Amino acid sequence: AGSMQADRSAASIYRLWLGIALASAIAGAAGYGIATHLPGVDGTMVQAFAGGAVLTMLADSMFPEAFEDGGRTVGLLTALGFAVAAVLTTLE
């Protein structure tokens, strides 16, 4: 929405997000490849790191706008979502 308000074309926004998706896929594949060659590293460490990265991205870019538009409920629902994900991971 912010990019559209800054008079960026829809095509340029789609190219930007396509580039982000490709860079994320490449980084994920590289991280997986590196992690498989490290002794003593299992999927738990990689998932914890990825979860921290997601929380950092949310806190930096999305939470301020979400709190502005949705109020305090946003924080509660976000924490609840991560708690449900943690429980589901534990049940695997």
Protein backbone atom coordinates (compact mmCIF):
# COMPACT_ATOMS: atom_id res chain seq x y z
CA ALA A 1 0.00 0.00 0.00
CA GLY A 2 2.84 2.37 0.82
CA SER A 3 4.50 1.72 -2.53
CA MET A 4 1.26 2.42 -4.38
CA GLN A 5 0.88 5.67 -2.47
CA ALA A 6 4.44 6.58 -3.46
CA ASP A 7 3.35 6.38 -7.12
CA ARG A 8 5.17 3.16 -7.93
CA SER A 9 3.63 1.13 -10.73
CA ALA A 10 2.05 -2.22 -10.03
CA ALA A 11 4.61 -3.87 -12.33
CA SER A 12 7.53 -2.47 -10.34
CA ILE A 13 5.97 -3.64 -7.07
CA TYR A 14 5.46 -7.13 -8.49
CA ARG A 15 9.08 -7.20 -9.70
CA LEU A 16 10.26 -6.12 -6.26
CA TRP A 17 8.31 -8.89 -4.51
CA LEU A 18 9.38 -11.47 -7.09
CA GLY A 19 13.00 -10.48 -6.40
CA ILE A 20 12.42 -10.81 -2.66
CA ALA A 21 10.85 -14.26 -3.12
CA LEU A 22 13.76 -15.41 -5.31
CA ALA A 23 16.37 -14.05 -2.90
CA SER A 24 14.57 -15.78 -0.01
CA ALA A 25 14.48 -19.09 -1.88
CA ILE A 26 18.18 -18.85 -2.71
CA ALA A 27 19.06 -17.91 0.87
CA GLY A 28 16.93 -20.76 2.22
CA ALA A 29 18.56 -23.30 -0.07
CA ALA A 30 22.04 -21.99 0.78
CA GLY A 31 21.26 -22.07 4.51
CA TYR A 32 19.97 -25.62 4.26
CA GLY A 33 23.03 -26.68 2.31
CA ILE A 34 25.39 -25.11 4.83
CA ALA A 35 23.48 -26.46 7.86
CA THR A 36 23.59 -30.04 6.57
CA HIS A 37 27.40 -29.93 6.59
CA LEU A 38 27.79 -28.55 10.12
CA PRO A 39 28.37 -31.16 12.81
CA GLY A 40 25.87 -31.19 15.65
CA VAL A 41 23.36 -28.90 13.96
CA ASP A 42 19.88 -30.25 13.56
CA GLY A 43 16.65 -28.79 12.29
CA THR A 44 15.80 -27.36 15.70
CA MET A 45 18.56 -24.78 15.56
CA VAL A 46 17.65 -23.77 12.02
CA GLN A 47 13.95 -23.44 12.91
CA ALA A 48 14.79 -21.32 15.97
CA PHE A 49 16.94 -19.01 13.86
CA ALA A 50 14.23 -18.75 11.18
CA GLY A 51 11.58 -18.03 13.82
CA GLY A 52 13.71 -15.24 15.25
CA ALA A 53 14.19 -13.80 11.77
CA VAL A 54 10.44 -13.80 11.16
CA LEU A 55 9.77 -12.11 14.50
CA THR A 56 12.40 -9.47 13.73
CA MET A 57 10.86 -8.74 10.34
CA LEU A 58 7.37 -8.51 11.81
CA ALA A 59 8.43 -6.26 14.66
CA ASP A 60 10.37 -3.95 12.39
CA SER A 61 8.06 -3.55 9.44
CA MET A 62 4.56 -4.75 10.19
CA PHE A 63 3.78 -4.29 13.89
CA PRO A 64 3.74 -0.48 13.96
CA GLU A 65 1.12 -0.29 11.21
CA ALA A 66 -0.82 -3.23 12.62
CA PHE A 67 -0.99 -1.63 16.08
CA GLU A 68 -2.06 1.65 14.53
CA ASP A 69 -4.90 0.01 12.59
CA GLY A 70 -5.85 -2.90 14.86
CA GLY A 71 -4.99 -1.82 18.37
CA ARG A 72 -3.63 -3.95 21.20
CA THR A 73 -5.47 -7.07 20.03
CA VAL A 74 -2.86 -7.46 17.28
CA GLY A 75 -0.11 -8.22 19.79
CA LEU A 76 -2.23 -10.76 21.64
CA LEU A 77 -3.25 -12.56 18.46
CA THR A 78 0.36 -12.60 17.20
CA ALA A 79 1.59 -14.15 20.45
CA LEU A 80 -1.28 -16.65 20.35
CA GLY A 81 -0.37 -17.59 16.78
CA PHE A 82 3.23 -18.27 17.70
CA ALA A 83 2.13 -20.25 20.78
CA VAL A 84 -0.12 -22.44 18.62
CA ALA A 85 2.76 -22.97 16.17
CA ALA A 86 5.03 -23.96 19.06
CA VAL A 87 2.49 -26.46 20.38
CA LEU A 88 1.97 -27.96 16.93
CA THR A 89 5.74 -28.29 16.50
CA THR A 90 6.00 -30.03 19.86
CA LEU A 91 3.29 -32.51 18.89
CA GLU A 92 5.12 -33.64 15.74
